[in-house]
């Protein structure tokens, strides 16, 4: 008789700013310091990197928590990806953070969106679960 078990490894977590030359892949999670829709005093928000349907060469961030769970929050431009791979490059994300990761309804004195604090952003990489076949 065959039995399937799942091999579960520990997840890996690091601050975004600690790895400026990392590639983020589909399924990686960005934990923002605050929910961009609720403002600076809100709890953290988890976003998952996903591939867009019908566009095999585009990536976006999907909301994982709360009322809007499962909805896309944004789609990244192609220049955010690594050369010849489907990854979001942390160097691009860090350099363009102020333009892409902002509070929805909070503006500064000039009327520009206020970016979320990047220093508190954490990347969570969950290992791929591989089935073990016990014979």
C-alpha atoms as a PDB file:
ATOM      1  CA  UNK A   1       0.000   0.000   0.000  1.00  0.00           C
ATOM      2  CA  UNK A   2       1.283   3.463  -0.871  1.00  0.00           C
ATOM      3  CA  UNK A   3       1.104   6.347   1.547  1.00  0.00           C
ATOM      4  CA  UNK A   4       1.709   9.987   0.773  1.00  0.00           C
ATOM      5  CA  UNK A   5       3.203  12.398   3.237  1.00  0.00           C
ATOM      6  CA  UNK A   6       4.152  15.998   2.812  1.00  0.00           C
ATOM      7  CA  UNK A   7       7.637  17.169   3.567  1.00  0.00           C
ATOM      8  CA  UNK A   8       7.323  20.508   5.324  1.00  0.00           C
ATOM      9  CA  UNK A   9      10.337  22.737   5.744  1.00  0.00           C
ATOM     10  CA  UNK A  10      10.661  25.938   7.677  1.00  0.00           C
ATOM     11  CA  UNK A  11       9.750  29.094   5.846  1.00  0.00           C
ATOM     12  CA  UNK A  12      12.419  31.660   5.158  1.00  0.00           C
ATOM     13  CA  UNK A  13      11.956  35.304   6.197  1.00  0.00           C
ATOM     14  CA  UNK A  14      14.126  38.361   5.646  1.00  0.00           C
ATOM     15  CA  UNK A  15      13.799  42.136   5.538  1.00  0.00           C
ATOM     16  CA  UNK A  16      13.513  43.401   1.977  1.00  0.00           C
ATOM     17  CA  UNK A  17      16.357  45.882   2.434  1.00  0.00           C
ATOM     18  CA  UNK A  18      18.705  43.125   3.647  1.00  0.00           C
ATOM     19  CA  UNK A  19      18.766  41.447   0.212  1.00  0.00           C
ATOM     20  CA  UNK A  20      18.975  44.105  -2.496  1.00  0.00           C
ATOM     21  CA  UNK A  21      20.037  41.611  -5.195  1.00  0.00           C
ATOM     22  CA  UNK A  22      17.423  38.878  -4.666  1.00  0.00           C
ATOM     23  CA  UNK A  23      14.880  37.482  -7.124  1.00  0.00           C
ATOM     24  CA  UNK A  24      11.327  37.111  -5.811  1.00  0.00           C
ATOM     25  CA  UNK A  25       9.247  34.334  -7.335  1.00  0.00           C
ATOM     26  CA  UNK A  26       5.573  33.504  -7.752  1.00  0.00           C
ATOM     27  CA  UNK A  27       4.215  32.560  -4.312  1.00  0.00           C
ATOM     28  CA  UNK A  28       6.652  34.729  -2.340  1.00  0.00           C
ATOM     29  CA  UNK A  29       4.923  36.992   0.175  1.00  0.00           C
ATOM     30  CA  UNK A  30       5.607  40.637   0.982  1.00  0.00           C
ATOM     31  CA  UNK A  31       4.482  41.629   4.458  1.00  0.00           C
ATOM     32  CA  UNK A  32       3.938  45.387   4.492  1.00  0.00           C
ATOM     33  CA  UNK A  33       4.150  47.332   7.748  1.00  0.00           C
ATOM     34  CA  UNK A  34       0.609  48.672   7.271  1.00  0.00           C
ATOM     35  CA  UNK A  35      -2.427  48.060   5.106  1.00  0.00           C
ATOM     36  CA  UNK A  36      -2.195  50.649   2.285  1.00  0.00           C
ATOM     37  CA  UNK A  37      -5.987  50.921   2.123  1.00  0.00           C
ATOM     38  CA  UNK A  38      -6.428  51.602   5.850  1.00  0.00           C
ATOM     39  CA  UNK A  39      -3.531  53.936   6.580  1.00  0.00           C
ATOM     40  CA  UNK A  40      -0.444  54.278   8.759  1.00  0.00           C
ATOM     41  CA  UNK A  41      -2.043  53.049  12.006  1.00  0.00           C
ATOM     42  CA  UNK A  42      -3.354  49.799  10.514  1.00  0.00           C
ATOM     43  CA  UNK A  43      -1.990  46.281  11.070  1.00  0.00           C
ATOM     44  CA  UNK A  44       0.428  44.596   8.615  1.00  0.00           C
ATOM     45  CA  UNK A  45      -0.805  43.312   5.257  1.00  0.00           C
ATOM     46  CA  UNK A  46       0.435  40.231   3.385  1.00  0.00           C
ATOM     47  CA  UNK A  47       0.656  40.362  -0.418  1.00  0.00           C
ATOM     48  CA  UNK A  48       1.548  37.388  -2.624  1.00  0.00           C
ATOM     49  CA  UNK A  49       3.479  37.663  -5.874  1.00  0.00           C
ATOM     50  CA  UNK A  50       1.498  36.051  -8.711  1.00  0.00           C
ATOM     51  CA  UNK A  51       1.585  35.629 -12.481  1.00  0.00           C
ATOM     52  CA  UNK A  52      -1.193  37.319 -14.424  1.00  0.00           C
ATOM     53  CA  UNK A  53      -3.599  35.029 -16.246  1.00  0.00           C
ATOM     54  CA  UNK A  54      -3.279  35.165 -20.040  1.00  0.00           C
ATOM     55  CA  UNK A  55      -0.034  37.146 -19.687  1.00  0.00           C
ATOM     56  CA  UNK A  56       2.790  34.696 -19.076  1.00  0.00           C
ATOM     57  CA  UNK A  57       5.326  37.457 -18.715  1.00  0.00           C
ATOM     58  CA  UNK A  58       3.735  39.764 -16.110  1.00  0.00           C
ATOM     59  CA  UNK A  59       3.743  39.688 -12.313  1.00  0.00           C
ATOM     60  CA  UNK A  60       1.499  41.330  -9.745  1.00  0.00           C
ATOM     61  CA  UNK A  61       0.724  41.452  -6.027  1.00  0.00           C
ATOM     62  CA  UNK A  62      -2.444  39.869  -4.627  1.00  0.00           C
ATOM     63  CA  UNK A  63      -3.978  40.811  -1.278  1.00  0.00           C
ATOM     64  CA  UNK A  64      -4.081  37.849   1.135  1.00  0.00           C
ATOM     65  CA  UNK A  65      -5.870  39.327   4.162  1.00  0.00           C
ATOM     66  CA  UNK A  66      -9.156  40.981   4.971  1.00  0.00           C
ATOM     67  CA  UNK A  67     -12.144  42.045   2.946  1.00  0.00           C
ATOM     68  CA  UNK A  68     -10.206  42.274  -0.328  1.00  0.00           C
ATOM     69  CA  UNK A  69      -8.376  38.949   0.008  1.00  0.00           C
ATOM     70  CA  UNK A  70      -7.820  37.342  -3.391  1.00  0.00           C
ATOM     71  CA  UNK A  71      -7.941  40.622  -5.297  1.00  0.00           C
ATOM     72  CA  UNK A  72      -4.946  41.947  -7.219  1.00  0.00           C
ATOM     73  CA  UNK A  73      -3.462  45.120  -5.744  1.00  0.00           C
ATOM     74  CA  UNK A  74      -1.096  46.023  -8.576  1.00  0.00           C
ATOM     75  CA  UNK A  75       0.653  44.756 -11.700  1.00  0.00           C
ATOM     76  CA  UNK A  76       4.373  45.359 -12.155  1.00  0.00           C
ATOM     77  CA  UNK A  77       5.910  46.593 -15.408  1.00  0.00           C
ATOM     78  CA  UNK A  78       8.158  44.240 -17.371  1.00  0.00           C
ATOM     79  CA  UNK A  79      11.273  46.190 -16.404  1.00  0.00           C
ATOM     80  CA  UNK A  80      10.778  44.983 -12.808  1.00  0.00           C
ATOM     81  CA  UNK A  81      11.625  41.437 -13.831  1.00  0.00           C
ATOM     82  CA  UNK A  82      14.980  39.713 -14.089  1.00  0.00           C
ATOM     83  CA  UNK A  83      16.571  39.263 -17.493  1.00  0.00           C
ATOM     84  CA  UNK A  84      15.083  36.139 -19.066  1.00  0.00           C
ATOM     85  CA  UNK A  85      13.207  35.001 -15.939  1.00  0.00           C
ATOM     86  CA  UNK A  86       9.799  35.416 -14.303  1.00  0.00           C
ATOM     87  CA  UNK A  87      10.953  37.093 -11.125  1.00  0.00           C
ATOM     88  CA  UNK A  88      10.526  40.416  -9.389  1.00  0.00           C
ATOM     89  CA  UNK A  89      13.963  41.841  -8.681  1.00  0.00           C
ATOM     90  CA  UNK A  90      14.402  43.378  -5.241  1.00  0.00           C
ATOM     91  CA  UNK A  91      16.840  45.968  -6.647  1.00  0.00           C
ATOM     92  CA  UNK A  92      14.067  47.321  -8.894  1.00  0.00           C
ATOM     93  CA  UNK A  93      11.456  47.145  -6.117  1.00  0.00           C
ATOM     94  CA  UNK A  94      13.670  49.027  -3.645  1.00  0.00           C
ATOM     95  CA  UNK A  95      14.582  51.694  -6.220  1.00  0.00           C
ATOM     96  CA  UNK A  96      10.940  52.207  -7.255  1.00  0.00           C
ATOM     97  CA  UNK A  97       9.245  51.647  -3.892  1.00  0.00           C
ATOM     98  CA  UNK A  98       8.027  55.241  -3.488  1.00  0.00           C
ATOM     99  CA  UNK A  99       6.180  55.105  -6.826  1.00  0.00           C
ATOM    100  CA  UNK A 100       4.581  51.660  -6.489  1.00  0.00           C
ATOM    101  CA  UNK A 101       3.893  50.863  -2.815  1.00  0.00           C
ATOM    102  CA  UNK A 102       1.856  53.774  -1.439  1.00  0.00           C
ATOM    103  CA  UNK A 103      -1.134  54.382   0.814  1.00  0.00           C
ATOM    104  CA  UNK A 104      -4.323  54.546  -1.265  1.00  0.00           C
ATOM    105  CA  UNK A 105      -5.950  57.585   0.338  1.00  0.00           C
ATOM    106  CA  UNK A 106      -3.111  59.416   2.096  1.00  0.00           C
ATOM    107  CA  UNK A 107      -1.464  62.280   0.235  1.00  0.00           C
ATOM    108  CA  UNK A 108       1.384  64.581   1.197  1.00  0.00           C
ATOM    109  CA  UNK A 109       1.255  68.396   1.026  1.00  0.00           C
ATOM    110  CA  UNK A 110       1.967  68.323  -2.723  1.00  0.00           C
ATOM    111  CA  UNK A 111      -0.899  65.905  -3.385  1.00  0.00           C
ATOM    112  CA  UNK A 112       1.350  62.893  -4.077  1.00  0.00           C
ATOM    113  CA  UNK A 113       0.671  59.456  -2.567  1.00  0.00           C
ATOM    114  CA  UNK A 114       2.627  58.704   0.610  1.00  0.00           C
ATOM    115  CA  UNK A 115       4.797  55.567   0.306  1.00  0.00           C
ATOM    116  CA  UNK A 116       4.632  52.853   2.946  1.00  0.00           C
ATOM    117  CA  UNK A 117       7.733  52.444   5.132  1.00  0.00           C
ATOM    118  CA  UNK A 118      10.107  50.116   3.294  1.00  0.00           C
ATOM    119  CA  UNK A 119      12.361  49.446   6.301  1.00  0.00           C
ATOM    120  CA  UNK A 120       9.699  47.277   7.970  1.00  0.00           C
ATOM    121  CA  UNK A 121       8.839  45.215   4.870  1.00  0.00           C
ATOM    122  CA  UNK A 122       9.501  41.491   5.207  1.00  0.00           C
ATOM    123  CA  UNK A 123       9.741  38.849   2.474  1.00  0.00           C
ATOM    124  CA  UNK A 124       8.406  35.397   3.325  1.00  0.00           C
ATOM    125  CA  UNK A 125       9.378  32.475   1.128  1.00  0.00           C
ATOM    126  CA  UNK A 126       7.528  29.280   1.765  1.00  0.00           C
ATOM    127  CA  UNK A 127       9.258  26.160   0.529  1.00  0.00           C
ATOM    128  CA  UNK A 128       7.567  24.089  -2.101  1.00  0.00           C
ATOM    129  CA  UNK A 129       5.851  21.125  -0.507  1.00  0.00           C
ATOM    130  CA  UNK A 130       7.049  17.901  -2.062  1.00  0.00           C
ATOM    131  CA  UNK A 131       5.232  14.631  -1.455  1.00  0.00           C
ATOM    132  CA  UNK A 132       7.255  11.745  -0.061  1.00  0.00           C
ATOM    133  CA  UNK A 133       6.248   8.318  -1.261  1.00  0.00           C
ATOM    134  CA  UNK A 134       6.640   5.734   1.498  1.00  0.00           C
ATOM    135  CA  UNK A 135       6.621   2.231   0.146  1.00  0.00           C
END
